[in-house]
């Protein structure tokens, strides 16, 4: 049948393109170019070489794809962080994620008005679009290097907050630009209501989702991550229908799931992590397909570049200095946080909202934002590892461990502790038999350089060794003090 052959050809092209996109991420291990930049630029070039791609991908469809992808990414981001880890950096996260969003949007609007000559309405739309950050871009540059201290949590948590805040702000700005009755007071009130409803639904949803996953008793473990994802989408839909920020609600629910002790939690985490990676790939490819590089004017390139430079050199550092003025964060960490406010998929999505909402001069906004994001990801993002090294930000190279050792048990394990030997800790250089862990605790597994070793009393511990210890659950803090840096 011709229809089957035509569809098979489409599947072949799409699957082949996605395979190339995934394999292209290996380039980021050799050259410091973020994978999202490759996806975005490749899709934009493809839409120029094959105009049918551009013609057949309506911006409304791309906007819906991006919304679905963002729900997946924010839910997974919340799971990765967890409420306990976020609590340690809650003040800087809230300061940057909420107050910082407004300050950044206002500063960008002022620069767009006075430097680029835009009217205040257009400048406000550009400011709202470019306010959110995207740490996924930065962490794709870092690869297997994990940031130590509070910087990583602050950047991840900031995006979890400022993505919903930026979206709510952009919706209000579009209403201001397209409605004669809208005022800044109305926009501000709508923003507060949307964020408040989103936070309330997120907290309520978390209290429902976690018990639902814990008591589901599904016939197959593969259904648990599916249920978790569908519950996140239900929460997004209910919150959005209630005129709240569904994105904020999903992020808060993810934080609760990240901390919860759940059956098959590792399966849920792996599934969500893989799906979030796919969502990031899809959204950048889809957004890139809506732009034809040949149609971008010189003005778009110059304005986008100018805004990125001013944002990176002046606006972001000032916003970080103001919002983190009373926070106990080192100067080096503040400088790193300031430099790492990279732009990603959300600004392009917000520009798409402006196009769909019929905002004035929306095509100019879309082109400018695309250039700004591409420049930020390529130029600024590529320098993140270098800046981290120069500032002395601690980074641990995570081992590539493709194999997993696991034991299934029928009830919740409460006495299993995993610890990593930190350089300079009490355990560093100590023989396994001399560890001050008492007679009621024992080491069951030791992993060094990706290899599982048989524990014996004379084995000397090294930094980076990971140990699985069976002990009383109440001894977590005591054991942690033995293996953490002093």
Protein backbone atom coordinates (compact mmCIF):
# COMPACT_ATOMS: atom_id res chain seq x y z
CA UNK A 1 0.00 0.00 0.00
CA UNK A 2 1.39 3.42 -0.96
CA UNK A 3 0.21 4.97 2.32
CA UNK A 4 2.22 2.46 4.38
CA UNK A 5 5.32 3.11 2.27
CA UNK A 6 4.89 6.88 2.61
CA UNK A 7 4.48 6.60 6.37
CA UNK A 8 7.44 4.22 6.61
CA UNK A 9 9.57 6.78 4.75
CA UNK A 10 8.52 9.46 7.24
CA UNK A 11 9.32 7.16 10.16
CA UNK A 12 12.71 6.35 8.63
CA UNK A 13 13.59 10.01 8.20
CA UNK A 14 12.46 11.01 11.70
CA UNK A 15 14.05 8.02 13.44
CA UNK A 16 17.29 8.49 11.53
CA UNK A 17 17.33 12.18 12.41
CA UNK A 18 16.78 11.46 16.09
CA UNK A 19 19.51 8.80 16.07
CA UNK A 20 21.94 11.31 14.60
CA UNK A 21 20.84 13.88 17.17
CA UNK A 22 21.45 11.48 20.06
CA UNK A 23 24.82 10.33 18.69
CA UNK A 24 25.85 13.95 18.17
CA UNK A 25 25.88 14.39 21.94
CA UNK A 26 29.20 12.51 21.96
CA UNK A 27 30.71 15.64 20.42
CA UNK A 28 30.10 17.46 23.70
CA UNK A 29 32.70 15.21 25.37
CA UNK A 30 35.37 16.49 23.00
CA UNK A 31 34.29 20.07 22.38
CA UNK A 32 32.45 22.24 24.94
CA UNK A 33 29.35 22.80 22.80
CA UNK A 34 26.02 22.08 24.50
CA UNK A 35 23.95 19.37 22.84
CA UNK A 36 20.84 21.65 22.76
CA UNK A 37 22.79 24.10 20.60
CA UNK A 38 23.47 21.33 18.09
CA UNK A 39 19.79 20.36 18.01
CA UNK A 40 18.54 23.93 17.66
CA UNK A 41 21.03 24.93 14.96
CA UNK A 42 20.66 21.66 13.01
CA UNK A 43 16.86 21.96 12.91
CA UNK A 44 17.08 25.58 11.77
CA UNK A 45 19.53 24.66 8.99
CA UNK A 46 17.32 21.72 7.95
CA UNK A 47 14.28 23.99 7.67
CA UNK A 48 16.30 26.17 5.28
CA UNK A 49 17.57 23.27 3.18
CA UNK A 50 14.16 21.57 3.04
CA UNK A 51 11.48 24.29 3.13
CA UNK A 52 8.75 21.64 3.40
CA UNK A 53 9.84 21.04 7.03
CA UNK A 54 9.17 24.68 7.85
CA UNK A 55 5.87 24.67 5.97
CA UNK A 56 4.57 21.48 7.61
CA UNK A 57 5.45 22.35 11.22
CA UNK A 58 2.92 24.97 12.37
CA UNK A 59 3.97 27.01 15.35
CA UNK A 60 0.82 26.00 17.27
CA UNK A 61 1.88 22.35 17.05
CA UNK A 62 5.39 23.24 18.19
CA UNK A 63 3.96 25.24 21.10
CA UNK A 64 1.96 22.20 22.24
CA UNK A 65 4.99 19.93 21.89
CA UNK A 66 7.01 22.37 23.97
CA UNK A 67 4.35 22.51 26.71
CA UNK A 68 4.28 18.70 26.97
CA UNK A 69 8.09 18.58 26.97
CA UNK A 70 8.32 21.23 29.66
CA UNK A 71 5.94 19.32 31.93
CA UNK A 72 8.18 16.25 31.59
CA UNK A 73 11.38 18.26 32.14
CA UNK A 74 10.08 20.13 35.20
CA UNK A 75 8.66 16.98 36.80
CA UNK A 76 11.97 15.20 36.31
CA UNK A 77 13.87 18.26 37.53
CA UNK A 78 11.87 18.22 40.75
CA UNK A 79 12.54 14.51 41.22
CA UNK A 80 16.28 15.00 40.68
CA UNK A 81 16.52 17.82 43.22
CA UNK A 82 14.15 16.64 45.95
CA UNK A 83 12.71 18.87 48.66
CA UNK A 84 15.44 18.12 51.22
CA UNK A 85 18.21 19.16 48.85
CA UNK A 86 16.25 22.24 47.72
CA UNK A 87 15.57 23.30 51.33
CA UNK A 88 19.29 23.94 51.88
CA UNK A 89 19.23 26.50 49.03
CA UNK A 90 15.61 27.64 49.35
CA UNK A 91 16.34 31.33 49.98
CA UNK A 92 18.60 31.86 46.93
CA UNK A 93 16.28 29.74 44.77
CA UNK A 94 13.19 31.78 45.67
CA UNK A 95 15.08 35.08 45.45
CA UNK A 96 16.51 34.34 42.01
CA UNK A 97 13.54 32.39 40.71
CA UNK A 98 10.83 34.93 41.60
CA UNK A 99 12.29 38.37 42.35
CA UNK A 100 15.12 37.74 39.89
CA UNK A 101 12.66 36.99 37.10
CA UNK A 102 10.97 40.37 37.48
CA UNK A 103 14.25 42.26 37.83
CA UNK A 104 15.71 40.53 34.76
CA UNK A 105 12.60 41.10 32.65
CA UNK A 106 12.45 44.77 33.66
CA UNK A 107 16.14 45.36 32.99
CA UNK A 108 15.99 43.69 29.58
CA UNK A 109 12.89 45.73 28.71
CA UNK A 110 14.70 48.94 29.68
CA UNK A 111 17.72 48.04 27.52
CA UNK A 112 15.47 47.06 24.59
CA UNK A 113 13.63 50.38 24.89
CA UNK A 114 16.55 52.75 25.34
CA UNK A 115 19.28 50.92 23.42
CA UNK A 116 17.29 49.26 20.62
CA UNK A 117 14.53 51.87 20.31
CA UNK A 118 11.59 49.52 20.91
CA UNK A 119 8.33 50.85 22.33
CA UNK A 120 7.62 49.79 25.91
CA UNK A 121 5.06 47.14 24.96
CA UNK A 122 7.42 45.36 22.57
CA UNK A 123 10.33 45.77 24.99
CA UNK A 124 8.25 44.28 27.80
CA UNK A 125 7.44 41.22 25.69
CA UNK A 126 11.13 40.71 24.87
CA UNK A 127 12.05 41.12 28.54
CA UNK A 128 9.48 38.56 29.67
CA UNK A 129 10.63 36.09 27.00
CA UNK A 130 14.33 36.29 27.89
CA UNK A 131 13.95 36.30 31.70
CA UNK A 132 13.84 32.49 32.36
CA UNK A 133 17.03 30.42 32.53
CA UNK A 134 17.71 26.84 31.48
CA UNK A 135 20.20 24.86 33.59
CA UNK A 136 19.67 21.81 31.38
CA UNK A 137 21.83 23.58 28.80
CA UNK A 138 24.58 24.18 31.35
CA UNK A 139 24.52 20.64 32.74
CA UNK A 140 24.73 19.24 29.21
CA UNK A 141 27.98 21.21 28.83
CA UNK A 142 29.34 19.89 32.12
CA UNK A 143 28.52 16.33 31.07
CA UNK A 144 29.62 13.91 33.79
CA UNK A 145 31.05 16.68 35.97
CA UNK A 146 28.84 17.40 38.98
CA UNK A 147 28.99 20.82 40.62
CA UNK A 148 29.70 20.85 44.33
CA UNK A 149 28.40 23.32 46.91
CA UNK A 150 25.12 25.20 46.58
CA UNK A 151 25.67 26.47 43.02
CA UNK A 152 24.23 23.46 41.22
CA UNK A 153 21.12 23.21 43.40
CA UNK A 154 20.56 26.97 43.15
CA UNK A 155 20.74 26.96 39.36
CA UNK A 156 18.46 23.93 39.01
CA UNK A 157 15.97 25.21 41.55
CA UNK A 158 16.01 28.70 40.03
CA UNK A 159 14.90 27.34 36.66
CA UNK A 160 12.20 25.26 38.33
CA UNK A 161 10.81 28.50 39.74
CA UNK A 162 11.54 31.04 37.01
CA UNK A 163 10.23 28.92 34.15
CA UNK A 164 6.67 28.96 35.58
CA UNK A 165 7.13 32.58 36.69
CA UNK A 166 8.35 33.62 33.24
CA UNK A 167 5.47 31.84 31.53
CA UNK A 168 2.91 33.50 33.83
CA UNK A 169 4.56 36.88 33.26
CA UNK A 170 4.60 36.41 29.48
CA UNK A 171 0.89 35.52 29.40
CA UNK A 172 0.16 38.70 31.33
CA UNK A 173 2.33 40.81 28.99
CA UNK A 174 0.57 39.37 25.93
CA UNK A 175 -2.77 40.31 27.48
CA UNK A 176 -1.42 43.80 28.16
CA UNK A 177 -0.25 44.10 24.55
CA UNK A 178 -3.45 42.82 22.93
CA UNK A 179 -6.21 44.09 25.25
CA UNK A 180 -7.28 47.70 25.71
CA UNK A 181 -8.61 46.99 29.19
CA UNK A 182 -5.44 45.40 30.58
CA UNK A 183 -3.14 47.38 32.89
CA UNK A 184 0.08 46.62 34.71
CA UNK A 185 -1.92 46.29 37.93
CA UNK A 186 -4.16 43.66 36.32
CA UNK A 187 -1.13 41.80 34.94
CA UNK A 188 0.52 41.81 38.37
CA UNK A 189 -2.63 40.56 40.06
CA UNK A 190 -3.06 37.78 37.52
CA UNK A 191 0.56 36.77 38.00
CA UNK A 192 0.16 36.52 41.79
CA UNK A 193 -3.06 34.52 41.44
CA UNK A 194 -1.56 32.13 38.90
CA UNK A 195 1.54 31.45 40.98
CA UNK A 196 -0.44 31.14 44.23
CA UNK A 197 -2.94 28.70 42.70
CA UNK A 198 -0.09 26.76 41.12
CA UNK A 199 1.75 26.48 44.44
CA UNK A 200 -1.41 25.42 46.29
CA UNK A 201 -2.34 22.78 43.70
CA UNK A 202 1.27 21.58 43.60
CA UNK A 203 1.39 21.01 47.36
CA UNK A 204 -2.03 19.34 47.37
CA UNK A 205 -1.12 17.26 44.32
CA UNK A 206 2.10 16.12 45.98
CA UNK A 207 0.15 14.87 49.00
CA UNK A 208 -2.06 12.84 46.64
CA UNK A 209 0.50 11.60 44.10
CA UNK A 210 3.01 10.18 46.59
CA UNK A 211 0.45 7.98 48.46
CA UNK A 212 -1.09 6.94 45.13
CA UNK A 213 2.28 5.66 43.90
CA UNK A 214 3.02 4.00 47.24
CA UNK A 215 -0.29 2.11 47.39
CA UNK A 216 -0.99 1.44 43.72
CA UNK A 217 -0.07 -2.31 43.78
CA UNK A 218 0.11 -2.46 39.98
CA UNK A 219 0.62 -5.81 38.22
CA UNK A 220 3.85 -4.71 36.52
CA UNK A 221 6.76 -2.53 37.62
CA UNK A 222 6.80 -0.91 34.18
CA UNK A 223 3.44 0.70 34.95
CA UNK A 224 4.69 2.68 37.96
CA UNK A 225 6.64 5.31 35.97
CA UNK A 226 3.75 5.58 33.50
CA UNK A 227 1.33 6.22 36.37
CA UNK A 228 3.69 8.82 37.88
CA UNK A 229 3.94 10.68 34.58
CA UNK A 230 0.20 10.57 33.91
CA UNK A 231 -0.52 11.87 37.41
CA UNK A 232 1.87 14.77 36.70
CA UNK A 233 -0.04 15.58 33.50
CA UNK A 234 -3.37 15.34 35.35
CA UNK A 235 -2.02 17.78 37.93
CA UNK A 236 -0.86 20.14 35.17
CA UNK A 237 -4.26 20.01 33.47
CA UNK A 238 -6.30 20.52 36.64
CA UNK A 239 -4.11 23.41 37.79
CA UNK A 240 -4.18 25.13 34.40
CA UNK A 241 -7.97 24.80 34.14
CA UNK A 242 -8.17 26.43 37.58
CA UNK A 243 -6.12 29.37 36.16
CA UNK A 244 -2.98 28.42 38.06
CA UNK A 245 0.57 27.69 36.94
CA UNK A 246 0.49 24.03 36.01
CA UNK A 247 4.24 24.09 35.47
CA UNK A 248 4.89 25.23 39.05
CA UNK A 249 2.49 22.59 40.37
CA UNK A 250 4.29 19.83 38.47
CA UNK A 251 7.71 21.00 39.68
CA UNK A 252 6.55 21.02 43.31
CA UNK A 253 5.04 17.55 42.94
CA UNK A 254 8.34 16.33 41.48
CA UNK A 255 10.19 17.66 44.54
CA UNK A 256 7.93 15.58 46.78
CA UNK A 257 8.37 12.43 44.68
CA UNK A 258 12.14 12.96 44.74
CA UNK A 259 12.20 12.72 48.53
CA UNK A 260 9.58 9.99 48.97
CA UNK A 261 10.42 6.35 49.68
CA UNK A 262 8.44 4.54 46.99
CA UNK A 263 8.32 1.04 45.54
CA UNK A 264 10.14 0.85 42.19
CA UNK A 265 11.41 4.39 42.69
CA UNK A 266 14.62 3.67 40.77
CA UNK A 267 12.48 2.53 37.82
CA UNK A 268 10.48 5.76 38.02
CA UNK A 269 13.65 7.87 38.16
CA UNK A 270 15.30 6.12 35.20
CA UNK A 271 12.14 6.40 33.11
CA UNK A 272 11.64 10.09 33.92
CA UNK A 273 15.30 10.86 33.29
CA UNK A 274 15.29 9.17 29.88
CA UNK A 275 12.00 10.80 28.93
CA UNK A 276 13.25 14.23 30.00
CA UNK A 277 16.31 13.76 27.79
CA UNK A 278 14.06 12.86 24.87
CA UNK A 279 11.76 15.82 25.64
CA UNK A 280 14.72 18.21 25.60
CA UNK A 281 15.89 16.81 22.27
CA UNK A 282 12.41 17.01 20.72
CA UNK A 283 11.65 20.52 21.92
CA UNK A 284 14.90 22.01 20.59
CA UNK A 285 14.49 20.26 17.25
CA UNK A 286 10.85 21.36 16.99
CA UNK A 287 11.61 24.96 17.94
CA UNK A 288 14.52 25.09 15.51
CA UNK A 289 12.27 23.87 12.70
CA UNK A 290 10.07 26.97 13.09
CA UNK A 291 12.91 29.30 12.11
CA UNK A 292 14.39 29.86 8.68
CA UNK A 293 17.84 31.34 9.00
CA UNK A 294 17.62 32.87 5.56
CA UNK A 295 14.63 34.95 6.66
CA UNK A 296 16.30 36.39 9.74
CA UNK A 297 17.29 39.98 9.16
CA UNK A 298 20.60 41.55 10.11
CA UNK A 299 18.67 43.54 12.71
CA UNK A 300 17.56 40.29 14.40
CA UNK A 301 21.16 39.08 14.70
CA UNK A 302 22.48 42.41 15.98
CA UNK A 303 19.67 42.94 18.49
CA UNK A 304 19.82 39.38 19.78
CA UNK A 305 23.60 39.52 20.17
CA UNK A 306 23.43 42.92 21.88
CA UNK A 307 20.87 41.73 24.41
CA UNK A 308 22.88 38.57 25.25
CA UNK A 309 26.05 40.62 25.81
CA UNK A 310 24.31 43.18 28.04
CA UNK A 311 22.46 40.41 29.87
CA UNK A 312 25.62 38.37 30.54
CA UNK A 313 27.93 41.29 31.38
CA UNK A 314 25.63 43.62 33.31
CA UNK A 315 22.03 42.55 33.96
CA UNK A 316 22.54 39.00 35.26
CA UNK A 317 25.48 39.88 37.57
CA UNK A 318 23.55 42.83 39.03
CA UNK A 319 20.40 40.74 39.55
CA UNK A 320 22.40 37.99 41.27
CA UNK A 321 24.20 40.54 43.46
CA UNK A 322 20.92 42.15 44.51
CA UNK A 323 18.86 39.00 45.10
CA UNK A 324 21.66 37.12 46.88
CA UNK A 325 22.95 40.09 48.88
CA UNK A 326 21.95 38.64 52.25
CA UNK A 327 22.54 34.98 51.37
CA UNK A 328 25.57 33.09 52.69
CA UNK A 329 27.04 32.15 49.33
CA UNK A 330 30.71 32.68 48.47
CA UNK A 331 31.73 35.31 45.94
CA UNK A 332 33.01 32.61 43.60
CA UNK A 333 29.67 30.81 43.71
CA UNK A 334 27.78 34.06 43.11
CA UNK A 335 30.01 34.80 40.13
CA UNK A 336 29.44 31.30 38.75
CA UNK A 337 25.67 31.57 39.24
CA UNK A 338 25.73 34.95 37.50
CA UNK A 339 27.62 33.59 34.50
CA UNK A 340 25.54 30.43 34.24
CA UNK A 341 22.13 32.03 33.70
CA UNK A 342 21.90 30.49 30.24
CA UNK A 343 18.89 30.74 27.96
CA UNK A 344 17.19 27.68 26.46
CA UNK A 345 13.93 26.32 25.15
CA UNK A 346 11.57 28.29 27.42
CA UNK A 347 12.40 31.76 25.96
CA UNK A 348 11.72 30.44 22.44
CA UNK A 349 8.47 28.89 23.71
CA UNK A 350 7.47 32.23 25.23
CA UNK A 351 8.20 33.95 21.93
CA UNK A 352 5.93 31.37 20.28
CA UNK A 353 3.21 32.35 22.78
CA UNK A 354 3.58 35.93 21.54
CA UNK A 355 3.10 34.80 17.93
CA UNK A 356 0.07 32.64 18.74
CA UNK A 357 -1.42 35.35 20.98
CA UNK A 358 -1.28 37.92 18.18
CA UNK A 359 1.11 40.27 19.97
CA UNK A 360 2.28 43.23 17.88
CA UNK A 361 5.53 42.68 15.97
CA UNK A 362 5.60 39.07 17.19
CA UNK A 363 7.71 37.87 14.24
CA UNK A 364 10.46 40.28 15.25
CA UNK A 365 10.29 39.01 18.84
CA UNK A 366 10.55 35.40 17.68
CA UNK A 367 13.59 36.01 15.47
CA UNK A 368 15.35 38.10 18.11
CA UNK A 369 14.75 35.56 20.88
CA UNK A 370 15.94 32.69 18.68
CA UNK A 371 19.21 34.52 17.97
CA UNK A 372 19.63 35.39 21.66
CA UNK A 373 19.11 31.77 22.75
CA UNK A 374 21.42 30.36 20.08
CA UNK A 375 24.13 32.88 21.00
CA UNK A 376 23.75 32.24 24.73
CA UNK A 377 23.92 28.47 24.32
CA UNK A 378 26.83 28.44 21.89
CA UNK A 379 29.06 31.27 23.14
CA UNK A 380 28.25 31.60 26.82
CA UNK A 381 27.42 27.94 27.40
CA UNK A 382 30.68 26.73 25.89
CA UNK A 383 32.65 28.75 28.45
CA UNK A 384 30.91 27.34 31.54
CA UNK A 385 33.52 24.60 32.31
CA UNK A 386 36.36 27.11 31.89
CA UNK A 387 34.68 29.67 34.15
CA UNK A 388 33.98 27.00 36.80
CA UNK A 389 37.65 26.01 36.84
CA UNK A 390 38.86 29.63 37.02
CA UNK A 391 36.51 30.38 39.93
CA UNK A 392 37.52 27.23 41.77
CA UNK A 393 34.01 25.81 41.81
CA UNK A 394 34.32 22.19 43.02
CA UNK A 395 33.35 19.66 40.36
CA UNK A 396 33.38 15.89 40.69
CA UNK A 397 33.79 13.73 37.61
CA UNK A 398 31.09 11.09 37.87
CA UNK A 399 32.16 7.58 36.95
CA UNK A 400 30.67 6.06 33.83
CA UNK A 401 28.90 3.06 35.38
CA UNK A 402 26.73 1.27 32.80
CA UNK A 403 26.14 -1.84 34.94
CA UNK A 404 24.04 -2.04 38.07
CA UNK A 405 23.99 -4.49 40.97
CA UNK A 406 20.58 -4.71 42.66
CA UNK A 407 18.74 -7.01 45.02
CA UNK A 408 14.94 -7.11 45.11
CA UNK A 409 13.23 -7.30 48.53
CA UNK A 410 9.56 -7.54 49.37
CA UNK A 411 9.43 -4.80 52.01
CA UNK A 412 10.86 -1.29 52.25
CA UNK A 413 14.59 -1.45 53.10
CA UNK A 414 15.36 0.89 55.99
CA UNK A 415 18.91 -0.02 56.96
CA UNK A 416 20.84 0.28 53.67
CA UNK A 417 23.19 3.28 53.48
CA UNK A 418 25.33 4.28 50.49
CA UNK A 419 28.29 6.56 51.19
CA UNK A 420 31.07 8.01 49.04
CA UNK A 421 34.52 8.51 50.57
CA UNK A 422 35.41 12.19 50.29
CA UNK A 423 39.00 13.41 50.09
CA UNK A 424 40.15 14.49 53.56
CA UNK A 425 37.39 12.62 55.37
CA UNK A 426 38.02 10.41 58.41
CA UNK A 427 37.62 7.34 56.19
CA UNK A 428 40.15 8.56 53.57
CA UNK A 429 43.19 6.23 53.75
CA UNK A 430 41.72 4.13 56.57
CA UNK A 431 41.60 0.34 56.39
CA UNK A 432 38.11 -1.07 56.10
CA UNK A 433 38.49 -2.99 59.35
CA UNK A 434 39.39 0.20 61.24
CA UNK A 435 36.26 2.13 60.26
CA UNK A 436 34.50 3.49 63.39
CA UNK A 437 31.12 2.08 62.43
CA UNK A 438 30.65 -0.36 65.31
CA UNK A 439 29.84 -4.05 65.42
CA UNK A 440 26.19 -3.57 64.43
CA UNK A 441 27.07 -2.24 60.96
CA UNK A 442 28.90 -3.95 58.13
CA UNK A 443 30.07 -3.12 54.62
CA UNK A 444 28.41 -5.35 52.03
CA UNK A 445 29.83 -3.87 48.82
CA UNK A 446 32.61 -1.54 47.77
CA UNK A 447 32.85 0.04 44.28
CA UNK A 448 36.15 1.59 43.12
CA UNK A 449 36.73 3.06 39.65
CA UNK A 450 33.56 1.38 38.46
CA UNK A 451 34.62 -2.08 39.67
CA UNK A 452 32.95 -4.01 42.51
CA UNK A 453 35.53 -5.19 45.08
CA UNK A 454 35.15 -7.81 47.79
CA UNK A 455 35.32 -6.01 51.15
CA UNK A 456 38.01 -7.24 53.56
CA UNK A 457 39.43 -5.73 56.72
CA UNK A 458 42.82 -4.75 55.22
CA UNK A 459 41.42 -2.96 52.16
CA UNK A 460 42.51 0.69 52.31
CA UNK A 461 39.84 3.23 51.34
CA UNK A 462 40.47 5.90 48.70
CA UNK A 463 38.62 9.10 47.76
CA UNK A 464 35.76 8.28 45.43
CA UNK A 465 35.14 4.78 46.82
CA UNK A 466 31.44 4.03 47.26
CA UNK A 467 30.31 1.74 50.06
CA UNK A 468 27.01 0.04 50.75
CA UNK A 469 26.58 -0.35 54.52
CA UNK A 470 23.84 -2.17 56.42
CA UNK A 471 23.15 -0.43 59.74
CA UNK A 472 20.39 0.99 61.93
CA UNK A 473 18.46 3.71 60.01
CA UNK A 474 19.03 6.18 62.86
CA UNK A 475 22.79 6.07 62.29
CA UNK A 476 22.63 7.87 58.94
CA UNK A 477 24.07 11.15 60.28
CA UNK A 478 26.82 9.42 62.24
CA UNK A 479 27.95 7.35 59.26
CA UNK A 480 27.76 10.37 56.94
CA UNK A 481 30.18 12.29 59.18
CA UNK A 482 32.75 9.50 58.75
CA UNK A 483 32.79 9.68 54.96
CA UNK A 484 32.15 13.38 54.26
CA UNK A 485 34.97 15.92 54.02
CA UNK A 486 35.88 17.58 57.32
